[in-house]
N, C-alpha and C. Protein backbone atom coordinates (compact mmCIF):
# COMPACT_ATOMS: atom_id res chain seq x y z
N MET A 1 121.23 126.84 80.41
CA MET A 1 120.45 125.61 80.59
C MET A 1 120.13 125.01 79.22
N SER A 2 120.43 123.72 79.06
CA SER A 2 120.19 123.07 77.78
C SER A 2 118.69 122.87 77.56
N GLU A 3 118.33 122.56 76.31
CA GLU A 3 116.92 122.31 75.99
C GLU A 3 116.40 121.11 76.78
N ARG A 4 117.22 120.09 76.90
CA ARG A 4 116.81 118.90 77.65
C ARG A 4 116.58 119.23 79.12
N THR A 5 117.50 120.00 79.69
CA THR A 5 117.36 120.38 81.10
C THR A 5 116.12 121.24 81.32
N ARG A 6 115.87 122.15 80.38
CA ARG A 6 114.66 122.99 80.49
C ARG A 6 113.41 122.12 80.42
N GLY A 7 113.42 121.12 79.55
CA GLY A 7 112.27 120.23 79.45
C GLY A 7 112.04 119.44 80.71
N GLU A 8 113.13 118.92 81.31
CA GLU A 8 113.01 118.16 82.55
C GLU A 8 112.51 119.04 83.68
N HIS A 9 112.99 120.30 83.70
CA HIS A 9 112.55 121.24 84.72
C HIS A 9 111.06 121.53 84.58
N ALA A 10 110.60 121.73 83.35
CA ALA A 10 109.18 122.00 83.12
C ALA A 10 108.32 120.81 83.50
N ARG A 11 108.79 119.60 83.19
CA ARG A 11 108.04 118.41 83.56
C ARG A 11 107.93 118.27 85.08
N THR A 12 109.04 118.54 85.76
CA THR A 12 109.02 118.49 87.22
C THR A 12 108.06 119.53 87.79
N GLN A 13 108.08 120.73 87.23
CA GLN A 13 107.18 121.79 87.68
C GLN A 13 105.72 121.39 87.50
N LEU A 14 105.41 120.79 86.38
CA LEU A 14 104.03 120.39 86.11
C LEU A 14 103.58 119.28 87.06
N VAL A 15 104.45 118.34 87.35
CA VAL A 15 104.11 117.27 88.28
C VAL A 15 103.87 117.84 89.67
N GLU A 16 104.75 118.72 90.12
CA GLU A 16 104.59 119.33 91.44
C GLU A 16 103.33 120.19 91.50
N ALA A 17 103.05 120.89 90.41
CA ALA A 17 101.82 121.70 90.35
C ALA A 17 100.59 120.81 90.45
N ALA A 18 100.64 119.67 89.78
CA ALA A 18 99.51 118.73 89.83
C ALA A 18 99.30 118.21 91.24
N ILE A 19 100.37 117.93 91.95
CA ILE A 19 100.26 117.44 93.33
C ILE A 19 99.67 118.51 94.23
N ARG A 20 100.05 119.77 94.02
CA ARG A 20 99.47 120.86 94.81
C ARG A 20 97.98 121.00 94.52
N LEU A 21 97.62 120.96 93.25
CA LEU A 21 96.21 121.09 92.88
C LEU A 21 95.39 119.92 93.43
N LEU A 22 95.96 118.73 93.39
CA LEU A 22 95.29 117.56 93.96
C LEU A 22 94.99 117.78 95.44
N ALA A 23 96.01 118.24 96.16
CA ALA A 23 95.85 118.45 97.60
C ALA A 23 94.81 119.50 97.92
N ASP A 24 94.75 120.54 97.10
CA ASP A 24 93.84 121.66 97.38
C ASP A 24 92.43 121.44 96.86
N GLY A 25 92.30 120.75 95.72
CA GLY A 25 90.98 120.66 95.11
C GLY A 25 90.55 119.30 94.63
N GLY A 26 91.36 118.27 94.90
CA GLY A 26 90.99 116.93 94.47
C GLY A 26 91.23 116.72 92.98
N ALA A 27 90.86 115.54 92.51
CA ALA A 27 91.13 115.15 91.13
C ALA A 27 90.47 116.08 90.12
N GLU A 28 89.30 116.64 90.48
CA GLU A 28 88.60 117.52 89.54
C GLU A 28 89.36 118.81 89.27
N ALA A 29 90.33 119.13 90.12
CA ALA A 29 91.12 120.35 89.92
C ALA A 29 92.23 120.15 88.89
N LEU A 30 92.45 118.92 88.47
CA LEU A 30 93.54 118.65 87.54
C LEU A 30 93.08 118.93 86.11
N GLN A 31 93.29 120.15 85.70
CA GLN A 31 92.94 120.61 84.36
C GLN A 31 94.17 121.26 83.74
N ALA A 32 94.34 121.06 82.45
CA ALA A 32 95.51 121.60 81.76
C ALA A 32 95.65 123.11 81.97
N ARG A 33 94.53 123.80 81.93
CA ARG A 33 94.57 125.26 82.09
C ARG A 33 95.09 125.65 83.47
N LYS A 34 94.59 124.98 84.51
CA LYS A 34 95.03 125.30 85.87
C LYS A 34 96.48 124.91 86.09
N LEU A 35 96.89 123.78 85.54
CA LEU A 35 98.28 123.35 85.69
C LEU A 35 99.23 124.34 85.04
N ALA A 36 98.89 124.78 83.85
CA ALA A 36 99.74 125.74 83.15
C ALA A 36 99.82 127.05 83.92
N ALA A 37 98.70 127.49 84.47
CA ALA A 37 98.68 128.73 85.24
C ALA A 37 99.56 128.63 86.48
N GLU A 38 99.61 127.44 87.07
CA GLU A 38 100.42 127.22 88.28
C GLU A 38 101.90 127.47 88.03
N ILE A 39 102.36 127.18 86.81
CA ILE A 39 103.78 127.35 86.52
C ILE A 39 104.04 128.54 85.61
N GLY A 40 102.99 129.34 85.35
CA GLY A 40 103.16 130.53 84.53
C GLY A 40 103.43 130.23 83.07
N ALA A 41 102.78 129.19 82.55
CA ALA A 41 102.97 128.81 81.15
C ALA A 41 101.62 128.73 80.45
N SER A 42 101.66 128.48 79.16
CA SER A 42 100.42 128.30 78.41
C SER A 42 99.95 126.85 78.56
N THR A 43 98.69 126.63 78.24
CA THR A 43 98.13 125.29 78.32
C THR A 43 98.91 124.31 77.46
N MET A 44 99.51 124.80 76.42
CA MET A 44 100.27 123.95 75.50
C MET A 44 101.43 123.24 76.19
N ALA A 45 101.87 123.77 77.33
CA ALA A 45 103.00 123.17 78.04
C ALA A 45 102.72 121.72 78.42
N VAL A 46 101.48 121.44 78.81
CA VAL A 46 101.11 120.07 79.19
C VAL A 46 101.31 119.12 78.01
N TYR A 47 100.93 119.56 76.82
CA TYR A 47 101.02 118.71 75.63
C TYR A 47 102.43 118.67 75.08
N THR A 48 103.16 119.77 75.25
CA THR A 48 104.55 119.80 74.77
C THR A 48 105.42 118.84 75.56
N HIS A 49 105.23 118.82 76.88
CA HIS A 49 106.13 118.04 77.73
C HIS A 49 105.62 116.65 78.10
N PHE A 50 104.31 116.43 77.95
CA PHE A 50 103.76 115.11 78.30
C PHE A 50 102.92 114.49 77.20
N GLY A 51 102.53 115.28 76.23
CA GLY A 51 101.68 114.75 75.16
C GLY A 51 100.21 114.74 75.51
N GLY A 52 99.88 115.05 76.75
CA GLY A 52 98.49 115.09 77.18
C GLY A 52 98.35 114.83 78.65
N MET A 53 97.12 114.95 79.16
CA MET A 53 96.87 114.79 80.59
C MET A 53 97.09 113.35 81.07
N ALA A 54 96.82 112.38 80.22
CA ALA A 54 96.97 110.98 80.66
C ALA A 54 98.41 110.68 81.06
N ALA A 55 99.36 111.11 80.24
CA ALA A 55 100.77 110.87 80.54
C ALA A 55 101.21 111.67 81.75
N LEU A 56 100.66 112.87 81.91
CA LEU A 56 100.99 113.66 83.09
C LEU A 56 100.50 112.97 84.35
N MET A 57 99.27 112.43 84.32
CA MET A 57 98.74 111.74 85.48
C MET A 57 99.58 110.51 85.83
N ASP A 58 100.09 109.84 84.81
CA ASP A 58 100.97 108.70 85.04
C ASP A 58 102.25 109.15 85.74
N ALA A 59 102.78 110.29 85.33
CA ALA A 59 103.99 110.83 85.95
C ALA A 59 103.73 111.24 87.40
N VAL A 60 102.55 111.79 87.66
CA VAL A 60 102.18 112.16 89.03
C VAL A 60 102.10 110.91 89.90
N ALA A 61 101.48 109.85 89.38
CA ALA A 61 101.37 108.60 90.12
C ALA A 61 102.75 108.04 90.43
N ARG A 62 103.65 108.10 89.45
CA ARG A 62 105.00 107.57 89.67
C ARG A 62 105.73 108.37 90.76
N GLU A 63 105.49 109.70 90.79
CA GLU A 63 106.08 110.51 91.85
C GLU A 63 105.49 110.12 93.20
N GLY A 64 104.21 109.80 93.23
CA GLY A 64 103.60 109.34 94.48
C GLY A 64 104.25 108.07 94.98
N PHE A 65 104.50 107.12 94.08
CA PHE A 65 105.16 105.88 94.49
C PHE A 65 106.59 106.14 94.93
N ARG A 66 107.26 107.12 94.32
CA ARG A 66 108.62 107.46 94.78
C ARG A 66 108.56 107.96 96.21
N ARG A 67 107.53 108.72 96.55
CA ARG A 67 107.40 109.22 97.92
C ARG A 67 107.08 108.07 98.88
N LEU A 68 106.29 107.12 98.42
CA LEU A 68 106.01 105.94 99.23
C LEU A 68 107.30 105.17 99.50
N ILE A 69 108.09 104.97 98.46
CA ILE A 69 109.37 104.26 98.60
C ILE A 69 110.28 104.99 99.58
N ALA A 70 110.32 106.32 99.49
CA ALA A 70 111.16 107.11 100.39
C ALA A 70 110.71 106.96 101.83
N ASN A 71 109.40 106.96 102.07
CA ASN A 71 108.90 106.76 103.43
C ASN A 71 109.25 105.37 103.94
N MET A 72 109.10 104.36 103.09
CA MET A 72 109.41 103.00 103.51
C MET A 72 110.92 102.84 103.77
N ALA A 73 111.72 103.60 103.04
CA ALA A 73 113.18 103.50 103.20
C ALA A 73 113.65 104.06 104.54
N THR A 74 112.81 104.84 105.22
CA THR A 74 113.20 105.39 106.52
C THR A 74 113.12 104.32 107.62
N VAL A 75 112.49 103.19 107.33
CA VAL A 75 112.37 102.13 108.33
C VAL A 75 113.71 101.40 108.44
N GLU A 76 114.31 101.46 109.60
CA GLU A 76 115.60 100.82 109.81
C GLU A 76 115.43 99.34 110.13
N ARG A 77 116.34 98.54 109.67
CA ARG A 77 116.30 97.11 109.92
C ARG A 77 116.80 96.83 111.34
N THR A 78 116.04 96.04 112.09
CA THR A 78 116.40 95.67 113.45
C THR A 78 116.49 94.15 113.56
N ASP A 79 116.65 93.67 114.79
CA ASP A 79 116.70 92.23 115.02
C ASP A 79 115.30 91.62 115.08
N ASP A 80 114.27 92.44 114.97
CA ASP A 80 112.89 91.95 115.02
C ASP A 80 112.23 92.20 113.66
N PRO A 81 112.25 91.22 112.76
CA PRO A 81 111.71 91.44 111.41
C PRO A 81 110.20 91.69 111.39
N VAL A 82 109.47 91.17 112.36
CA VAL A 82 108.03 91.43 112.40
C VAL A 82 107.77 92.88 112.80
N ALA A 83 108.55 93.39 113.75
CA ALA A 83 108.44 94.81 114.12
C ALA A 83 108.79 95.69 112.93
N ASP A 84 109.80 95.30 112.17
CA ASP A 84 110.18 96.06 110.98
C ASP A 84 109.04 96.07 109.95
N LEU A 85 108.40 94.92 109.80
CA LEU A 85 107.28 94.83 108.86
C LEU A 85 106.13 95.74 109.31
N TYR A 86 105.88 95.79 110.60
CA TYR A 86 104.84 96.68 111.11
C TYR A 86 105.22 98.14 110.88
N GLN A 87 106.48 98.46 111.04
CA GLN A 87 106.91 99.84 110.78
C GLN A 87 106.74 100.20 109.31
N LEU A 88 106.93 99.22 108.43
CA LEU A 88 106.66 99.47 107.01
C LEU A 88 105.19 99.77 106.78
N ALA A 89 104.33 99.06 107.51
CA ALA A 89 102.89 99.33 107.42
C ALA A 89 102.58 100.76 107.87
N LEU A 90 103.24 101.20 108.92
CA LEU A 90 103.02 102.57 109.41
C LEU A 90 103.56 103.59 108.41
N ALA A 91 104.68 103.27 107.75
CA ALA A 91 105.23 104.17 106.73
C ALA A 91 104.28 104.26 105.54
N TYR A 92 103.69 103.15 105.19
CA TYR A 92 102.70 103.10 104.11
C TYR A 92 101.52 103.99 104.47
N ARG A 93 101.03 103.84 105.70
CA ARG A 93 99.92 104.68 106.15
C ARG A 93 100.32 106.15 106.17
N ARG A 94 101.54 106.46 106.60
CA ARG A 94 101.98 107.85 106.68
C ARG A 94 101.94 108.52 105.32
N THR A 95 102.34 107.80 104.30
CA THR A 95 102.27 108.33 102.94
C THR A 95 100.85 108.71 102.57
N ALA A 96 99.91 107.85 102.92
CA ALA A 96 98.51 108.10 102.60
C ALA A 96 97.97 109.29 103.38
N VAL A 97 98.30 109.38 104.66
CA VAL A 97 97.80 110.47 105.50
C VAL A 97 98.38 111.81 105.07
N GLU A 98 99.65 111.80 104.68
CA GLU A 98 100.30 113.05 104.26
C GLU A 98 99.80 113.53 102.91
N HIS A 99 99.45 112.59 102.02
CA HIS A 99 99.04 112.94 100.66
C HIS A 99 97.82 112.11 100.24
N PRO A 100 96.67 112.31 100.87
CA PRO A 100 95.53 111.42 100.60
C PRO A 100 95.04 111.43 99.15
N GLU A 101 94.96 112.59 98.53
CA GLU A 101 94.49 112.65 97.15
C GLU A 101 95.51 112.01 96.21
N LEU A 102 96.78 112.26 96.45
CA LEU A 102 97.85 111.66 95.64
C LEU A 102 97.84 110.15 95.82
N PHE A 103 97.67 109.69 97.05
CA PHE A 103 97.64 108.26 97.33
C PHE A 103 96.53 107.58 96.54
N THR A 104 95.36 108.19 96.52
CA THR A 104 94.24 107.62 95.77
C THR A 104 94.54 107.56 94.28
N LEU A 105 95.11 108.65 93.75
CA LEU A 105 95.44 108.69 92.33
C LEU A 105 96.50 107.66 91.96
N MET A 106 97.49 107.47 92.83
CA MET A 106 98.56 106.52 92.58
C MET A 106 98.01 105.14 92.23
N PHE A 107 97.12 104.67 93.07
CA PHE A 107 96.63 103.31 92.88
C PHE A 107 95.58 103.21 91.80
N ARG A 108 94.87 104.31 91.57
CA ARG A 108 93.93 104.31 90.44
C ARG A 108 94.70 104.21 89.13
N GLU A 109 95.78 104.97 89.01
CA GLU A 109 96.57 104.94 87.79
C GLU A 109 97.27 103.59 87.61
N ALA A 110 97.84 103.06 88.71
CA ALA A 110 98.52 101.77 88.62
C ALA A 110 97.53 100.67 88.27
N GLY A 111 96.33 100.72 88.85
CA GLY A 111 95.32 99.72 88.57
C GLY A 111 94.80 99.80 87.15
N ALA A 112 94.84 100.98 86.57
CA ALA A 112 94.35 101.16 85.20
C ALA A 112 95.17 100.36 84.20
N HIS A 113 96.41 100.04 84.58
CA HIS A 113 97.28 99.27 83.68
C HIS A 113 97.02 97.77 83.80
N GLY A 114 96.17 97.38 84.76
CA GLY A 114 95.82 95.98 84.91
C GLY A 114 97.01 95.08 85.19
N GLN A 115 97.88 95.51 86.09
CA GLN A 115 99.13 94.79 86.35
C GLN A 115 98.93 93.81 87.51
N PRO A 116 98.92 92.48 87.25
CA PRO A 116 98.76 91.50 88.32
C PRO A 116 99.90 91.59 89.32
N VAL A 117 99.61 91.30 90.60
CA VAL A 117 100.64 91.37 91.63
C VAL A 117 101.82 90.48 91.28
N GLY A 118 101.55 89.29 90.76
CA GLY A 118 102.64 88.38 90.43
C GLY A 118 103.62 88.93 89.42
N ASP A 119 103.17 89.85 88.58
CA ASP A 119 104.05 90.43 87.56
C ASP A 119 104.97 91.50 88.13
N LEU A 120 104.68 91.97 89.36
CA LEU A 120 105.45 93.07 89.91
C LEU A 120 106.90 92.69 90.20
N LEU A 121 107.18 91.41 90.31
CA LEU A 121 108.54 90.99 90.63
C LEU A 121 109.32 90.50 89.43
N LYS A 122 108.71 90.50 88.26
CA LYS A 122 109.42 90.09 87.06
C LYS A 122 110.44 91.15 86.68
N ASP A 123 111.54 90.70 86.13
CA ASP A 123 112.62 91.63 85.78
C ASP A 123 112.14 92.74 84.87
N LYS A 124 111.19 92.45 84.00
CA LYS A 124 110.74 93.45 83.04
C LYS A 124 109.91 94.55 83.70
N GLN A 125 109.45 94.29 84.92
CA GLN A 125 108.66 95.29 85.63
C GLN A 125 109.59 96.15 86.47
N ASP A 126 109.87 97.34 86.00
CA ASP A 126 110.81 98.22 86.69
C ASP A 126 110.14 99.53 87.08
N SER A 127 108.84 99.48 87.34
CA SER A 127 108.11 100.69 87.69
C SER A 127 108.29 101.01 89.17
N GLU A 128 107.92 102.23 89.54
CA GLU A 128 107.97 102.63 90.94
C GLU A 128 107.01 101.79 91.78
N ALA A 129 105.84 101.46 91.22
CA ALA A 129 104.89 100.62 91.94
C ALA A 129 105.51 99.26 92.25
N ALA A 130 106.21 98.69 91.27
CA ALA A 130 106.87 97.40 91.47
C ALA A 130 107.95 97.51 92.54
N SER A 131 108.70 98.60 92.52
CA SER A 131 109.77 98.78 93.50
C SER A 131 109.22 98.86 94.92
N SER A 132 108.09 99.54 95.09
CA SER A 132 107.51 99.65 96.43
C SER A 132 107.06 98.29 96.93
N PHE A 133 106.50 97.48 96.05
CA PHE A 133 106.04 96.15 96.45
C PHE A 133 107.23 95.23 96.71
N ARG A 134 108.30 95.38 95.94
CA ARG A 134 109.50 94.57 96.18
C ARG A 134 110.03 94.80 97.59
N GLY A 135 109.95 96.04 98.06
CA GLY A 135 110.40 96.34 99.41
C GLY A 135 109.61 95.58 100.46
N MET A 136 108.30 95.46 100.23
CA MET A 136 107.46 94.72 101.16
C MET A 136 107.76 93.22 101.09
N VAL A 137 107.97 92.72 99.89
CA VAL A 137 108.29 91.30 99.74
C VAL A 137 109.61 90.97 100.45
N ALA A 138 110.58 91.86 100.33
CA ALA A 138 111.87 91.64 100.98
C ALA A 138 111.71 91.61 102.50
N ALA A 139 110.89 92.51 103.04
CA ALA A 139 110.67 92.55 104.49
C ALA A 139 109.95 91.28 104.95
N VAL A 140 108.99 90.84 104.17
CA VAL A 140 108.29 89.59 104.50
C VAL A 140 109.26 88.42 104.44
N GLY A 141 110.15 88.42 103.47
CA GLY A 141 111.13 87.36 103.35
C GLY A 141 111.98 87.22 104.60
N ARG A 142 112.32 88.34 105.22
CA ARG A 142 113.10 88.30 106.46
C ARG A 142 112.32 87.64 107.58
N THR A 143 111.01 87.91 107.67
CA THR A 143 110.21 87.29 108.72
C THR A 143 110.12 85.78 108.51
N ILE A 144 110.06 85.36 107.26
CA ILE A 144 110.00 83.93 106.96
C ILE A 144 111.35 83.27 107.24
N ASP A 145 112.43 83.93 106.85
CA ASP A 145 113.76 83.39 107.11
C ASP A 145 114.02 83.25 108.62
N SER A 146 113.41 84.12 109.41
CA SER A 146 113.61 84.07 110.86
C SER A 146 112.81 82.94 111.50
N GLY A 147 111.87 82.38 110.75
CA GLY A 147 111.04 81.31 111.27
C GLY A 147 109.77 81.77 111.94
N ARG A 148 109.54 83.08 111.97
CA ARG A 148 108.35 83.58 112.67
C ARG A 148 107.10 83.51 111.80
N LEU A 149 107.24 83.68 110.48
CA LEU A 149 106.11 83.51 109.58
C LEU A 149 106.41 82.38 108.61
N HIS A 150 105.36 81.87 108.00
CA HIS A 150 105.51 80.76 107.05
C HIS A 150 104.75 81.08 105.77
N GLY A 151 105.27 80.56 104.66
CA GLY A 151 104.59 80.75 103.39
C GLY A 151 105.50 81.29 102.32
N ASP A 152 104.94 81.50 101.16
CA ASP A 152 105.67 82.09 100.03
C ASP A 152 105.76 83.60 100.22
N PRO A 153 106.94 84.19 100.15
CA PRO A 153 107.08 85.63 100.40
C PRO A 153 106.15 86.49 99.55
N LEU A 154 105.99 86.16 98.28
CA LEU A 154 105.13 86.96 97.42
C LEU A 154 103.68 86.87 97.86
N ALA A 155 103.22 85.66 98.16
CA ALA A 155 101.83 85.48 98.59
C ALA A 155 101.58 86.16 99.93
N VAL A 156 102.51 86.02 100.86
CA VAL A 156 102.35 86.65 102.18
C VAL A 156 102.38 88.17 102.05
N ALA A 157 103.29 88.68 101.24
CA ALA A 157 103.36 90.13 101.05
C ALA A 157 102.07 90.67 100.45
N ALA A 158 101.47 89.92 99.54
CA ALA A 158 100.20 90.34 98.95
C ALA A 158 99.10 90.40 100.00
N GLN A 159 99.12 89.46 100.96
CA GLN A 159 98.14 89.48 102.03
C GLN A 159 98.36 90.68 102.96
N VAL A 160 99.62 90.92 103.30
CA VAL A 160 99.94 92.07 104.16
C VAL A 160 99.53 93.36 103.47
N TRP A 161 99.87 93.49 102.22
CA TRP A 161 99.52 94.68 101.44
C TRP A 161 98.01 94.88 101.42
N SER A 162 97.27 93.80 101.16
CA SER A 162 95.81 93.89 101.09
C SER A 162 95.22 94.37 102.41
N ALA A 163 95.73 93.83 103.52
CA ALA A 163 95.21 94.20 104.83
C ALA A 163 95.52 95.66 105.15
N VAL A 164 96.76 96.07 104.94
CA VAL A 164 97.16 97.44 105.28
C VAL A 164 96.49 98.45 104.37
N HIS A 165 96.44 98.13 103.07
CA HIS A 165 95.81 99.06 102.13
C HIS A 165 94.32 99.19 102.42
N GLY A 166 93.69 98.09 102.78
CA GLY A 166 92.28 98.16 103.13
C GLY A 166 92.04 99.04 104.34
N TYR A 167 92.88 98.88 105.37
CA TYR A 167 92.76 99.74 106.55
C TYR A 167 92.95 101.21 106.18
N VAL A 168 94.02 101.49 105.43
CA VAL A 168 94.34 102.87 105.06
C VAL A 168 93.21 103.50 104.26
N THR A 169 92.65 102.76 103.32
CA THR A 169 91.56 103.28 102.50
C THR A 169 90.37 103.67 103.36
N LEU A 170 90.02 102.82 104.32
CA LEU A 170 88.90 103.13 105.22
C LEU A 170 89.22 104.32 106.12
N GLU A 171 90.47 104.41 106.58
CA GLU A 171 90.84 105.54 107.43
C GLU A 171 90.74 106.86 106.65
N LEU A 172 91.20 106.86 105.41
CA LEU A 172 91.13 108.07 104.60
C LEU A 172 89.69 108.51 104.39
N LEU A 173 88.77 107.57 104.38
CA LEU A 173 87.35 107.89 104.22
C LEU A 173 86.70 108.33 105.53
N GLY A 174 87.48 108.34 106.61
CA GLY A 174 86.98 108.85 107.89
C GLY A 174 86.34 107.83 108.79
N HIS A 175 86.49 106.55 108.48
CA HIS A 175 85.78 105.53 109.26
C HIS A 175 86.39 105.24 110.62
N PHE A 176 87.63 105.67 110.86
CA PHE A 176 88.26 105.40 112.14
C PHE A 176 88.57 106.67 112.92
N GLY A 177 87.89 107.76 112.57
CA GLY A 177 88.09 109.01 113.28
C GLY A 177 89.39 109.69 112.91
N ARG A 178 89.74 110.69 113.68
CA ARG A 178 90.95 111.47 113.41
C ARG A 178 92.09 111.02 114.31
N GLY A 179 93.30 111.44 113.95
CA GLY A 179 94.46 111.10 114.75
C GLY A 179 94.86 109.65 114.59
N ASP A 180 95.53 109.13 115.64
CA ASP A 180 96.08 107.78 115.56
C ASP A 180 95.23 106.73 116.26
N ARG A 181 94.01 107.09 116.62
CA ARG A 181 93.16 106.14 117.33
C ARG A 181 92.96 104.86 116.52
N GLY A 182 92.75 105.00 115.24
CA GLY A 182 92.54 103.83 114.40
C GLY A 182 93.75 102.92 114.36
N VAL A 183 94.94 103.51 114.43
CA VAL A 183 96.17 102.71 114.42
C VAL A 183 96.20 101.81 115.65
N THR A 184 95.91 102.40 116.80
CA THR A 184 95.97 101.65 118.05
C THR A 184 94.86 100.60 118.16
N GLU A 185 93.66 101.01 117.75
CA GLU A 185 92.49 100.16 117.98
C GLU A 185 92.21 99.19 116.82
N VAL A 186 92.72 99.50 115.63
CA VAL A 186 92.39 98.67 114.47
C VAL A 186 93.64 98.13 113.78
N LEU A 187 94.53 99.01 113.34
CA LEU A 187 95.66 98.55 112.52
C LEU A 187 96.60 97.63 113.28
N ALA A 188 97.00 98.02 114.48
CA ALA A 188 97.92 97.18 115.25
C ALA A 188 97.31 95.81 115.56
N PRO A 189 96.07 95.74 116.09
CA PRO A 189 95.47 94.41 116.30
C PRO A 189 95.29 93.62 115.00
N LEU A 190 94.97 94.32 113.91
CA LEU A 190 94.84 93.64 112.62
C LEU A 190 96.15 92.99 112.22
N CYS A 191 97.25 93.70 112.40
CA CYS A 191 98.55 93.15 112.05
C CYS A 191 98.90 91.96 112.94
N VAL A 192 98.55 92.03 114.21
CA VAL A 192 98.79 90.90 115.11
C VAL A 192 98.01 89.67 114.62
N THR A 193 96.72 89.88 114.34
CA THR A 193 95.88 88.77 113.87
C THR A 193 96.46 88.16 112.60
N LEU A 194 96.92 89.00 111.70
CA LEU A 194 97.45 88.53 110.42
C LEU A 194 98.71 87.70 110.62
N VAL A 195 99.68 88.24 111.38
CA VAL A 195 100.95 87.51 111.51
C VAL A 195 100.80 86.25 112.35
N VAL A 196 99.89 86.26 113.31
CA VAL A 196 99.63 85.03 114.07
C VAL A 196 99.05 83.97 113.13
N GLY A 197 98.14 84.38 112.28
CA GLY A 197 97.58 83.45 111.31
C GLY A 197 98.62 82.91 110.34
N LEU A 198 99.70 83.67 110.18
CA LEU A 198 100.77 83.25 109.27
C LEU A 198 101.89 82.50 110.01
N GLY A 199 101.67 82.22 111.30
CA GLY A 199 102.61 81.37 112.01
C GLY A 199 103.29 81.95 113.22
N ASP A 200 103.15 83.24 113.48
CA ASP A 200 103.85 83.83 114.61
C ASP A 200 103.15 83.48 115.93
N ARG A 201 103.88 83.54 117.04
CA ARG A 201 103.30 83.33 118.36
C ARG A 201 102.58 84.59 118.80
N PRO A 202 101.41 84.48 119.43
CA PRO A 202 100.64 85.66 119.81
C PRO A 202 101.41 86.67 120.66
N ALA A 203 102.11 86.20 121.68
CA ALA A 203 102.84 87.12 122.55
C ALA A 203 103.95 87.84 121.78
N ALA A 204 104.65 87.11 120.93
CA ALA A 204 105.72 87.71 120.14
C ALA A 204 105.16 88.73 119.16
N ALA A 205 104.02 88.40 118.56
CA ALA A 205 103.38 89.32 117.62
C ALA A 205 102.96 90.60 118.31
N ARG A 206 102.34 90.46 119.49
CA ARG A 206 101.90 91.66 120.21
C ARG A 206 103.09 92.52 120.62
N ALA A 207 104.18 91.87 121.03
CA ALA A 207 105.38 92.62 121.41
C ALA A 207 105.93 93.41 120.21
N SER A 208 105.91 92.79 119.06
CA SER A 208 106.49 93.42 117.87
C SER A 208 105.73 94.66 117.44
N VAL A 209 104.42 94.70 117.70
CA VAL A 209 103.65 95.89 117.33
C VAL A 209 103.35 96.78 118.52
N GLY A 210 103.96 96.46 119.67
CA GLY A 210 103.83 97.32 120.84
C GLY A 210 102.53 97.16 121.59
N LEU A 211 101.94 95.98 121.55
CA LEU A 211 100.66 95.76 122.24
C LEU A 211 100.79 94.89 123.49
N LEU A 212 101.99 94.68 123.98
CA LEU A 212 102.14 93.91 125.20
C LEU A 212 101.55 94.66 126.38
N THR A 213 100.90 93.94 127.27
CA THR A 213 100.39 94.54 128.50
C THR A 213 101.43 94.36 129.59
N THR A 214 101.26 95.04 130.70
CA THR A 214 102.24 94.97 131.79
C THR A 214 102.26 93.61 132.47
N THR A 215 101.24 92.80 132.22
CA THR A 215 101.17 91.48 132.84
C THR A 215 101.85 90.41 132.01
N GLU A 216 102.28 90.74 130.81
CA GLU A 216 102.90 89.74 129.92
C GLU A 216 104.41 89.76 130.06
């Protein structure tokens, strides 16, 4: 194994160790000593491979966004772009539910860079956070091209993101109980309200998120 390969392996180990510690003990568990112990190395490993905890936390956040992108990539494109957009919202939520501490850290780290939403689509922005948002903008663009929603794709995607992220944040804090009750009673109706406000027909919107009644 080359020196470069060993370094990449150690960095990957440290990132994975940080994610495990986050899941088990929250952000306060992220200490250089504990991370090094997780991979059987000295504390110096954190500084050798990342230069310090700040850079390691940035790497952990980027891995979180890669997992978000992977979840969003499982959503298959269908003939119903609004249904596809709702499935992206569910994939976004799934990432948060599966890795709540990581999800919180991801956005704290991304926000620390003070990156405006409008900058996420500039060519110079090639971060994982930007890639995840580009996926949402592309999905929104399909709904607009279909004629079901109206507006600027970037602005609409920012609204969708704000609504879904707000719901997910509240769910992680326990405000909608356990299980999928919040999805049925809050997230799905919220998405219907949002897309109707953006131009969709109410019945079509409800059908796309699975809220049609037997009388419709």
